[in-house]
Amino acid sequence: MLDVLSRLLSDFVCFVRTALVTVANAFIEGLATLAQAGLDALPGMPAFPELPGATDWLTWIVPLSTIVSALAAMVTLLLTFTGIATALRWVKAL
């Protein structure tokens, strides 16, 4: 009799764990859908503009568009880091 009750309790615990994991997965999927909807609402990024004809030889030697893209990425990362660091300092001050 105790063996049957123990098995039923074990099955019930497994059912509850599975339900919690399913709810957590649905919540994460909802967050991902919301984030994707937010990203889809953003406008498309324009291409790097063509430089004047006199600099064609320079762009053939030095990849200016790659350098500008790398600098833009570095500035974005720096601003993101600064924003997160400021927010964490504010949280620590509370």
PDB file of N, CA and C in Angstrom:
ATOM      1  N   MET A   1       0.807  -1.186   0.000  1.00  0.00           N
ATOM      2  CA  MET A   1       0.000   0.000   0.000  1.00  0.00           C
ATOM      3  C   MET A   1       0.859   1.263   0.000  1.00  0.00           C
ATOM      4  N   LEU A   2       1.903   1.284   0.829  1.00  0.00           N
ATOM      5  CA  LEU A   2       2.784   2.444   0.862  1.00  0.00           C
ATOM      6  C   LEU A   2       3.548   2.605  -0.445  1.00  0.00           C
ATOM      7  N   ASP A   3       3.845   1.477  -1.066  1.00  0.00           N
ATOM      8  CA  ASP A   3       4.564   1.528  -2.346  1.00  0.00           C
ATOM      9  C   ASP A   3       3.698   2.209  -3.406  1.00  0.00           C
ATOM     10  N   VAL A   4       2.409   1.914  -3.416  1.00  0.00           N
ATOM     11  CA  VAL A   4       1.490   2.523  -4.382  1.00  0.00           C
ATOM     12  C   VAL A   4       1.366   4.022  -4.115  1.00  0.00           C
ATOM     13  N   LEU A   5       1.232   4.419  -2.856  1.00  0.00           N
ATOM     14  CA  LEU A   5       1.135   5.839  -2.511  1.00  0.00           C
ATOM     15  C   LEU A   5       2.430   6.582  -2.855  1.00  0.00           C
ATOM     16  N   SER A   6       3.543   5.961  -2.592  1.00  0.00           N
ATOM     17  CA  SER A   6       4.835   6.572  -2.922  1.00  0.00           C
ATOM     18  C   SER A   6       4.972   6.772  -4.422  1.00  0.00           C
ATOM     19  N   ARG A   7       4.529   5.792  -5.178  1.00  0.00           N
ATOM     20  CA  ARG A   7       4.603   5.903  -6.638  1.00  0.00           C
ATOM     21  C   ARG A   7       3.657   6.994  -7.150  1.00  0.00           C
ATOM     22  N   LEU A   8       2.433   7.066  -6.575  1.00  0.00           N
ATOM     23  CA  LEU A   8       1.499   8.119  -6.963  1.00  0.00           C
ATOM     24  C   LEU A   8       2.047   9.505  -6.641  1.00  0.00           C
ATOM     25  N   LEU A   9       2.662   9.649  -5.469  1.00  0.00           N
ATOM     26  CA  LEU A   9       3.255  10.928  -5.092  1.00  0.00           C
ATOM     27  C   LEU A   9       4.403  11.291  -6.025  1.00  0.00           C
ATOM     28  N   SER A  10       5.210  10.315  -6.361  1.00  0.00           N
ATOM     29  CA  SER A  10       6.321  10.545  -7.292  1.00  0.00           C
ATOM     30  C   SER A  10       5.802  10.974  -8.663  1.00  0.00           C
ATOM     31  N   ASP A  11       4.766  10.328  -9.138  1.00  0.00           N
ATOM     32  CA  ASP A  11       4.173  10.699 -10.425  1.00  0.00           C
ATOM     33  C   ASP A  11       3.571  12.103 -10.366  1.00  0.00           C
ATOM     34  N   PHE A  12       2.940  12.452  -9.242  1.00  0.00           N
ATOM     35  CA  PHE A  12       2.360  13.779  -9.092  1.00  0.00           C
ATOM     36  C   PHE A  12       3.442  14.853  -9.093  1.00  0.00           C
ATOM     37  N   VAL A  13       4.546  14.611  -8.410  1.00  0.00           N
ATOM     38  CA  VAL A  13       5.668  15.556  -8.397  1.00  0.00           C
ATOM     39  C   VAL A  13       6.231  15.719  -9.806  1.00  0.00           C
ATOM     40  N   CYS A  14       6.351  14.636 -10.529  1.00  0.00           N
ATOM     41  CA  CYS A  14       6.833  14.698 -11.912  1.00  0.00           C
ATOM     42  C   CYS A  14       5.874  15.509 -12.774  1.00  0.00           C
ATOM     43  N   PHE A  15       4.572  15.327 -12.560  1.00  0.00           N
ATOM     44  CA  PHE A  15       3.565  16.088 -13.316  1.00  0.00           C
ATOM     45  C   PHE A  15       3.677  17.586 -13.017  1.00  0.00           C
ATOM     46  N   VAL A  16       3.853  17.928 -11.756  1.00  0.00           N
ATOM     47  CA  VAL A  16       3.968  19.345 -11.366  1.00  0.00           C
ATOM     48  C   VAL A  16       5.238  19.958 -11.960  1.00  0.00           C
ATOM     49  N   ARG A  17       6.350  19.239 -11.903  1.00  0.00           N
ATOM     50  CA  ARG A  17       7.596  19.738 -12.487  1.00  0.00           C
ATOM     51  C   ARG A  17       7.452  19.950 -13.987  1.00  0.00           C
ATOM     52  N   THR A  18       6.832  19.013 -14.651  1.00  0.00           N
ATOM     53  CA  THR A  18       6.626  19.138 -16.099  1.00  0.00           C
ATOM     54  C   THR A  18       5.742  20.343 -16.412  1.00  0.00           C
ATOM     55  N   ALA A  19       4.710  20.547 -15.602  1.00  0.00           N
ATOM     56  CA  ALA A  19       3.830  21.703 -15.809  1.00  0.00           C
ATOM     57  C   ALA A  19       4.595  23.003 -15.603  1.00  0.00           C
ATOM     58  N   LEU A  20       5.438  23.082 -14.590  1.00  0.00           N
ATOM     59  CA  LEU A  20       6.223  24.295 -14.342  1.00  0.00           C
ATOM     60  C   LEU A  20       7.206  24.569 -15.470  1.00  0.00           C
ATOM     61  N   VAL A  21       7.832  23.528 -15.972  1.00  0.00           N
ATOM     62  CA  VAL A  21       8.767  23.699 -17.092  1.00  0.00           C
ATOM     63  C   VAL A  21       8.017  24.167 -18.336  1.00  0.00           C
ATOM     64  N   THR A  22       6.841  23.615 -18.583  1.00  0.00           N
ATOM     65  CA  THR A  22       6.035  24.027 -19.732  1.00  0.00           C
ATOM     66  C   THR A  22       5.626  25.490 -19.621  1.00  0.00           C
ATOM     67  N   VAL A  23       5.223  25.920 -18.423  1.00  0.00           N
ATOM     68  CA  VAL A  23       4.845  27.321 -18.214  1.00  0.00           C
ATOM     69  C   VAL A  23       6.062  28.228 -18.404  1.00  0.00           C
ATOM     70  N   ALA A  24       7.208  27.842 -17.868  1.00  0.00           N
ATOM     71  CA  ALA A  24       8.423  28.646 -18.025  1.00  0.00           C
ATOM     72  C   ALA A  24       8.816  28.747 -19.499  1.00  0.00           C
ATOM     73  N   ASN A  25       8.723  27.648 -20.226  1.00  0.00           N
ATOM     74  CA  ASN A  25       9.044  27.671 -21.651  1.00  0.00           C
ATOM     75  C   ASN A  25       8.084  28.569 -22.427  1.00  0.00           C
ATOM     76  N   ALA A  26       6.803  28.528 -22.078  1.00  0.00           N
ATOM     77  CA  ALA A  26       5.821  29.392 -22.747  1.00  0.00           C
ATOM     78  C   ALA A  26       6.112  30.858 -22.450  1.00  0.00           C
ATOM     79  N   PHE A  27       6.507  31.165 -21.220  1.00  0.00           N
ATOM     80  CA  PHE A  27       6.852  32.547 -20.855  1.00  0.00           C
ATOM     81  C   PHE A  27       8.071  33.026 -21.648  1.00  0.00           C
ATOM     82  N   ILE A  28       9.099  32.198 -21.738  1.00  0.00           N
ATOM     83  CA  ILE A  28      10.306  32.562 -22.490  1.00  0.00           C
ATOM     84  C   ILE A  28       9.977  32.721 -23.971  1.00  0.00           C
ATOM     85  N   GLU A  29       9.147  31.844 -24.496  1.00  0.00           N
ATOM     86  CA  GLU A  29       8.741  31.958 -25.894  1.00  0.00           C
ATOM     87  C   GLU A  29       7.953  33.249 -26.132  1.00  0.00           C
ATOM     88  N   GLY A  30       7.128  33.628 -25.180  1.00  0.00           N
ATOM     89  CA  GLY A  30       6.388  34.889 -25.286  1.00  0.00           C
ATOM     90  C   GLY A  30       7.322  36.085 -25.283  1.00  0.00           C
ATOM     91  N   LEU A  31       8.341  36.050 -24.420  1.00  0.00           N
ATOM     92  CA  LEU A  31       9.326  37.131 -24.409  1.00  0.00           C
ATOM     93  C   LEU A  31      10.077  37.213 -25.732  1.00  0.00           C
ATOM     94  N   ALA A  32      10.435  36.065 -26.288  1.00  0.00           N
ATOM     95  CA  ALA A  32      11.137  36.051 -27.565  1.00  0.00           C
ATOM     96  C   ALA A  32      10.250  36.590 -28.677  1.00  0.00           C
ATOM     97  N   THR A  33       8.974  36.242 -28.655  1.00  0.00           N
ATOM     98  CA  THR A  33       8.037  36.754 -29.657  1.00  0.00           C
ATOM     99  C   THR A  33       7.886  38.267 -29.527  1.00  0.00           C
ATOM    100  N   LEU A  34       7.807  38.750 -28.299  1.00  0.00           N
ATOM    101  CA  LEU A  34       7.702  40.186 -28.064  1.00  0.00           C
ATOM    102  C   LEU A  34       8.964  40.913 -28.534  1.00  0.00           C
ATOM    103  N   ALA A  35      10.119  40.357 -28.242  1.00  0.00           N
ATOM    104  CA  ALA A  35      11.374  40.964 -28.692  1.00  0.00           C
ATOM    105  C   ALA A  35      11.454  40.968 -30.214  1.00  0.00           C
ATOM    106  N   GLN A  36      11.028  39.877 -30.853  1.00  0.00           N
ATOM    107  CA  GLN A  36      11.058  39.814 -32.314  1.00  0.00           C
ATOM    108  C   GLN A  36      10.106  40.831 -32.920  1.00  0.00           C
ATOM    109  N   ALA A  37       8.946  41.017 -32.308  1.00  0.00           N
ATOM    110  CA  ALA A  37       7.992  42.015 -32.803  1.00  0.00           C
ATOM    111  C   ALA A  37       8.586  43.419 -32.677  1.00  0.00           C
ATOM    112  N   GLY A  38       9.298  43.670 -31.585  1.00  0.00           N
ATOM    113  CA  GLY A  38       9.958  44.964 -31.418  1.00  0.00           C
ATOM    114  C   GLY A  38      11.047  45.186 -32.447  1.00  0.00           C
ATOM    115  N   LEU A  39      11.816  44.151 -32.746  1.00  0.00           N
ATOM    116  CA  LEU A  39      12.865  44.275 -33.756  1.00  0.00           C
ATOM    117  C   LEU A  39      12.281  44.424 -35.152  1.00  0.00           C
ATOM    118  N   ASP A  40      11.162  43.764 -35.414  1.00  0.00           N
ATOM    119  CA  ASP A  40      10.526  43.888 -36.727  1.00  0.00           C
ATOM    120  C   ASP A  40       9.962  45.288 -36.947  1.00  0.00           C
ATOM    121  N   ALA A  41       9.644  45.996 -35.856  1.00  0.00           N
ATOM    122  CA  ALA A  41       9.088  47.343 -35.981  1.00  0.00           C
ATOM    123  C   ALA A  41      10.159  48.375 -36.329  1.00  0.00           C
ATOM    124  N   LEU A  42      11.425  48.040 -36.118  1.00  0.00           N
ATOM    125  CA  LEU A  42      12.504  48.977 -36.429  1.00  0.00           C
ATOM    126  C   LEU A  42      12.688  49.105 -37.939  1.00  0.00           C
ATOM    127  N   PRO A  43      13.108  50.272 -38.410  1.00  0.00           N
ATOM    128  CA  PRO A  43      13.341  50.418 -39.844  1.00  0.00           C
ATOM    129  C   PRO A  43      14.607  49.677 -40.263  1.00  0.00           C
ATOM    130  N   GLY A  44      14.696  49.386 -41.544  1.00  0.00           N
ATOM    131  CA  GLY A  44      15.870  48.702 -42.068  1.00  0.00           C
ATOM    132  C   GLY A  44      17.090  49.617 -42.048  1.00  0.00           C
ATOM    133  N   MET A  45      18.256  49.026 -41.896  1.00  0.00           N
ATOM    134  CA  MET A  45      19.481  49.814 -41.875  1.00  0.00           C
ATOM    135  C   MET A  45      19.911  50.111 -43.305  1.00  0.00           C
ATOM    136  N   PRO A  46      20.260  51.364 -43.586  1.00  0.00           N
ATOM    137  CA  PRO A  46      20.691  51.698 -44.935  1.00  0.00           C
ATOM    138  C   PRO A  46      22.102  51.166 -45.203  1.00  0.00           C
ATOM    139  N   ALA A  47      22.406  50.999 -46.460  1.00  0.00           N
ATOM    140  CA  ALA A  47      23.738  50.543 -46.836  1.00  0.00           C
ATOM    141  C   ALA A  47      24.730  51.688 -46.674  1.00  0.00           C
ATOM    142  N   PHE A  48      25.999  51.348 -46.560  1.00  0.00           N
ATOM    143  CA  PHE A  48      27.038  52.362 -46.462  1.00  0.00           C
ATOM    144  C   PHE A  48      27.087  53.135 -47.778  1.00  0.00           C
ATOM    145  N   PRO A  49      27.045  54.459 -47.730  1.00  0.00           N
ATOM    146  CA  PRO A  49      26.988  55.227 -48.974  1.00  0.00           C
ATOM    147  C   PRO A  49      28.289  55.113 -49.768  1.00  0.00           C
ATOM    148  N   GLU A  50      28.142  55.236 -51.055  1.00  0.00           N
ATOM    149  CA  GLU A  50      29.313  55.204 -51.934  1.00  0.00           C
ATOM    150  C   GLU A  50      30.120  56.487 -51.757  1.00  0.00           C
ATOM    151  N   LEU A  51      31.418  56.336 -51.748  1.00  0.00           N
ATOM    152  CA  LEU A  51      32.292  57.494 -51.629  1.00  0.00           C
ATOM    153  C   LEU A  51      32.501  58.126 -53.000  1.00  0.00           C
ATOM    154  N   PRO A  52      32.934  59.381 -53.049  1.00  0.00           N
ATOM    155  CA  PRO A  52      33.170  60.027 -54.343  1.00  0.00           C
ATOM    156  C   PRO A  52      34.182  59.255 -55.185  1.00  0.00           C
ATOM    157  N   GLY A  53      34.156  59.487 -56.487  1.00  0.00           N
ATOM    158  CA  GLY A  53      34.981  58.731 -57.419  1.00  0.00           C
ATOM    159  C   GLY A  53      36.471  58.820 -57.170  1.00  0.00           C
ATOM    160  N   ALA A  54      36.933  59.928 -56.606  1.00  0.00           N
ATOM    161  CA  ALA A  54      38.373  60.092 -56.394  1.00  0.00           C
ATOM    162  C   ALA A  54      38.911  59.154 -55.327  1.00  0.00           C
ATOM    163  N   THR A  55      38.055  58.612 -54.484  1.00  0.00           N
ATOM    164  CA  THR A  55      38.530  57.737 -53.414  1.00  0.00           C
ATOM    165  C   THR A  55      38.320  56.256 -53.724  1.00  0.00           C
ATOM    166  N   ASP A  56      37.974  55.930 -54.958  1.00  0.00           N
ATOM    167  CA  ASP A  56      37.785  54.517 -55.311  1.00  0.00           C
ATOM    168  C   ASP A  56      39.055  53.703 -55.080  1.00  0.00           C
ATOM    169  N   TRP A  57      40.188  54.272 -55.420  1.00  0.00           N
ATOM    170  CA  TRP A  57      41.442  53.544 -55.229  1.00  0.00           C
ATOM    171  C   TRP A  57      41.730  53.333 -53.749  1.00  0.00           C
ATOM    172  N   LEU A  58      41.332  54.311 -52.912  1.00  0.00           N
ATOM    173  CA  LEU A  58      41.554  54.176 -51.474  1.00  0.00           C
ATOM    174  C   LEU A  58      40.685  53.068 -50.890  1.00  0.00           C
ATOM    175  N   THR A  59      39.442  53.002 -51.322  1.00  0.00           N
ATOM    176  CA  THR A  59      38.564  51.953 -50.807  1.00  0.00           C
ATOM    177  C   THR A  59      38.974  50.573 -51.313  1.00  0.00           C
ATOM    178  N   TRP A  60      39.704  50.527 -52.385  1.00  0.00           N
ATOM    179  CA  TRP A  60      40.196  49.242 -52.875  1.00  0.00           C
ATOM    180  C   TRP A  60      41.341  48.758 -51.997  1.00  0.00           C
ATOM    181  N   ILE A  61      42.138  49.683 -51.465  1.00  0.00           N
ATOM    182  CA  ILE A  61      43.280  49.327 -50.614  1.00  0.00           C
ATOM    183  C   ILE A  61      42.845  49.179 -49.151  1.00  0.00           C
ATOM    184  N   VAL A  62      42.081  50.152 -48.661  1.00  0.00           N
ATOM    185  CA  VAL A  62      41.655  50.172 -47.261  1.00  0.00           C
ATOM    186  C   VAL A  62      40.135  50.002 -47.220  1.00  0.00           C
ATOM    187  N   PRO A  63      39.638  48.969 -46.575  1.00  0.00           N
ATOM    188  CA  PRO A  63      38.184  48.738 -46.532  1.00  0.00           C
ATOM    189  C   PRO A  63      37.478  49.724 -45.597  1.00  0.00           C
ATOM    190  N   LEU A  64      37.176  50.913 -46.103  1.00  0.00           N
ATOM    191  CA  LEU A  64      36.592  51.964 -45.275  1.00  0.00           C
ATOM    192  C   LEU A  64      35.227  51.573 -44.716  1.00  0.00           C
ATOM    193  N   SER A  65      34.402  50.906 -45.502  1.00  0.00           N
ATOM    194  CA  SER A  65      33.069  50.535 -44.997  1.00  0.00           C
ATOM    195  C   SER A  65      33.180  49.564 -43.825  1.00  0.00           C
ATOM    196  N   THR A  66      34.154  48.662 -43.876  1.00  0.00           N
ATOM    197  CA  THR A  66      34.358  47.729 -42.767  1.00  0.00           C
ATOM    198  C   THR A  66      34.859  48.470 -41.531  1.00  0.00           C
ATOM    199  N   ILE A  67      35.745  49.427 -41.734  1.00  0.00           N
ATOM    200  CA  ILE A  67      36.270  50.200 -40.614  1.00  0.00           C
ATOM    201  C   ILE A  67      35.153  51.019 -39.967  1.00  0.00           C
ATOM    202  N   VAL A  68      34.322  51.661 -40.787  1.00  0.00           N
ATOM    203  CA  VAL A  68      33.213  52.448 -40.246  1.00  0.00           C
ATOM    204  C   VAL A  68      32.230  51.540 -39.515  1.00  0.00           C
ATOM    205  N   SER A  69      31.940  50.368 -40.060  1.00  0.00           N
ATOM    206  CA  SER A  69      31.034  49.426 -39.399  1.00  0.00           C
ATOM    207  C   SER A  69      31.616  48.963 -38.066  1.00  0.00           C
ATOM    208  N   ALA A  70      32.908  48.673 -38.033  1.00  0.00           N
ATOM    209  CA  ALA A  70      33.550  48.245 -36.785  1.00  0.00           C
ATOM    210  C   ALA A  70      33.525  49.359 -35.750  1.00  0.00           C
ATOM    211  N   LEU A  71      33.794  50.588 -36.172  1.00  0.00           N
ATOM    212  CA  LEU A  71      33.743  51.714 -35.236  1.00  0.00           C
ATOM    213  C   LEU A  71      32.321  51.924 -34.703  1.00  0.00           C
ATOM    214  N   ALA A  72      31.329  51.785 -35.568  1.00  0.00           N
ATOM    215  CA  ALA A  72      29.937  51.919 -35.127  1.00  0.00           C
ATOM    216  C   ALA A  72      29.594  50.831 -34.112  1.00  0.00           C
ATOM    217  N   ALA A  73      30.051  49.618 -34.348  1.00  0.00           N
ATOM    218  CA  ALA A  73      29.799  48.528 -33.398  1.00  0.00           C
ATOM    219  C   ALA A  73      30.489  48.799 -32.064  1.00  0.00           C
ATOM    220  N   MET A  74      31.724  49.327 -32.111  1.00  0.00           N
ATOM    221  CA  MET A  74      32.447  49.620 -30.879  1.00  0.00           C
ATOM    222  C   MET A  74      31.762  50.730 -30.081  1.00  0.00           C
ATOM    223  N   VAL A  75      31.279  51.757 -30.770  1.00  0.00           N
ATOM    224  CA  VAL A  75      30.575  52.837 -30.087  1.00  0.00           C
ATOM    225  C   VAL A  75      29.276  52.316 -29.471  1.00  0.00           C
ATOM    226  N   THR A  76      28.577  51.467 -30.196  1.00  0.00           N
ATOM    227  CA  THR A  76      27.341  50.882 -29.672  1.00  0.00           C
ATOM    228  C   THR A  76      27.622  50.055 -28.424  1.00  0.00           C
ATOM    229  N   LEU A  77      28.662  49.236 -28.467  1.00  0.00           N
ATOM    230  CA  LEU A  77      29.013  48.427 -27.301  1.00  0.00           C
ATOM    231  C   LEU A  77      29.432  49.302 -26.125  1.00  0.00           C
ATOM    232  N   LEU A  78      30.174  50.369 -26.384  1.00  0.00           N
ATOM    233  CA  LEU A  78      30.595  51.265 -25.321  1.00  0.00           C
ATOM    234  C   LEU A  78      29.391  51.950 -24.670  1.00  0.00           C
ATOM    235  N   LEU A  79      28.460  52.431 -25.494  1.00  0.00           N
ATOM    236  CA  LEU A  79      27.270  53.078 -24.949  1.00  0.00           C
ATOM    237  C   LEU A  79      26.397  52.096 -24.170  1.00  0.00           C
ATOM    238  N   THR A  80      26.290  50.871 -24.676  1.00  0.00           N
ATOM    239  CA  THR A  80      25.528  49.846 -23.968  1.00  0.00           C
ATOM    240  C   THR A  80      26.166  49.534 -22.622  1.00  0.00           C
ATOM    241  N   PHE A  81      27.482  49.362 -22.625  1.00  0.00           N
ATOM    242  CA  PHE A  81      28.196  49.088 -21.385  1.00  0.00           C
ATOM    243  C   PHE A  81      28.026  50.230 -20.389  1.00  0.00           C
ATOM    244  N   THR A  82      28.146  51.457 -20.868  1.00  0.00           N
ATOM    245  CA  THR A  82      27.994  52.614 -19.991  1.00  0.00           C
ATOM    246  C   THR A  82      26.584  52.671 -19.400  1.00  0.00           C
ATOM    247  N   GLY A  83      25.577  52.414 -20.220  1.00  0.00           N
ATOM    248  CA  GLY A  83      24.203  52.416 -19.726  1.00  0.00           C
ATOM    249  C   GLY A  83      23.956  51.337 -18.696  1.00  0.00           C
ATOM    250  N   ILE A  84      24.456  50.138 -18.952  1.00  0.00           N
ATOM    251  CA  ILE A  84      24.266  49.039 -18.005  1.00  0.00           C
ATOM    252  C   ILE A  84      25.024  49.313 -16.713  1.00  0.00           C
ATOM    253  N   ALA A  85      26.255  49.838 -16.829  1.00  0.00           N
ATOM    254  CA  ALA A  85      27.040  50.143 -15.631  1.00  0.00           C
ATOM    255  C   ALA A  85      26.345  51.207 -14.785  1.00  0.00           C
ATOM    256  N   THR A  86      25.783  52.218 -15.435  1.00  0.00           N
ATOM    257  CA  THR A  86      25.068  53.262 -14.696  1.00  0.00           C
ATOM    258  C   THR A  86      23.844  52.685 -13.994  1.00  0.00           C
ATOM    259  N   ALA A  87      23.094  51.858 -14.695  1.00  0.00           N
ATOM    260  CA  ALA A  87      21.904  51.242 -14.090  1.00  0.00           C
ATOM    261  C   ALA A  87      22.298  50.360 -12.906  1.00  0.00           C
ATOM    262  N   LEU A  88      23.374  49.620 -13.031  1.00  0.00           N
ATOM    263  CA  LEU A  88      23.806  48.763 -11.919  1.00  0.00           C
ATOM    264  C   LEU A  88      24.288  49.588 -10.736  1.00  0.00           C
ATOM    265  N   ARG A  89      24.921  50.732 -10.996  1.00  0.00           N
ATOM    266  CA  ARG A  89      25.323  51.608  -9.889  1.00  0.00           C
ATOM    267  C   ARG A  89      24.103  52.162  -9.165  1.00  0.00           C
ATOM    268  N   TRP A  90      23.078  52.510  -9.916  1.00  0.00           N
ATOM    269  CA  TRP A  90      21.839  53.012  -9.304  1.00  0.00           C
ATOM    270  C   TRP A  90      21.192  51.932  -8.452  1.00  0.00           C
ATOM    271  N   VAL A  91      21.196  50.705  -8.946  1.00  0.00           N
ATOM    272  CA  VAL A  91      20.599  49.607  -8.180  1.00  0.00           C
ATOM    273  C   VAL A  91      21.401  49.382  -6.898  1.00  0.00           C
ATOM    274  N   LYS A  92      22.724  49.489  -6.998  1.00  0.00           N
ATOM    275  CA  LYS A  92      23.566  49.287  -5.815  1.00  0.00           C
ATOM    276  C   LYS A  92      23.324  50.401  -4.811  1.00  0.00           C
ATOM    277  N   ALA A  93      23.035  51.620  -5.269  1.00  0.00           N
ATOM    278  CA  ALA A  93      22.814  52.735  -4.375  1.00  0.00           C
ATOM    279  C   ALA A  93      21.504  52.589  -3.590  1.00  0.00           C
ATOM    280  N   LEU A  94      20.563  51.836  -4.132  1.00  0.00           N
ATOM    281  CA  LEU A  94      19.306  51.634  -3.411  1.00  0.00           C
ATOM    282  C   LEU A  94      19.612  50.797  -2.209  1.00  0.00           C
TER     283      LEU A  94
END
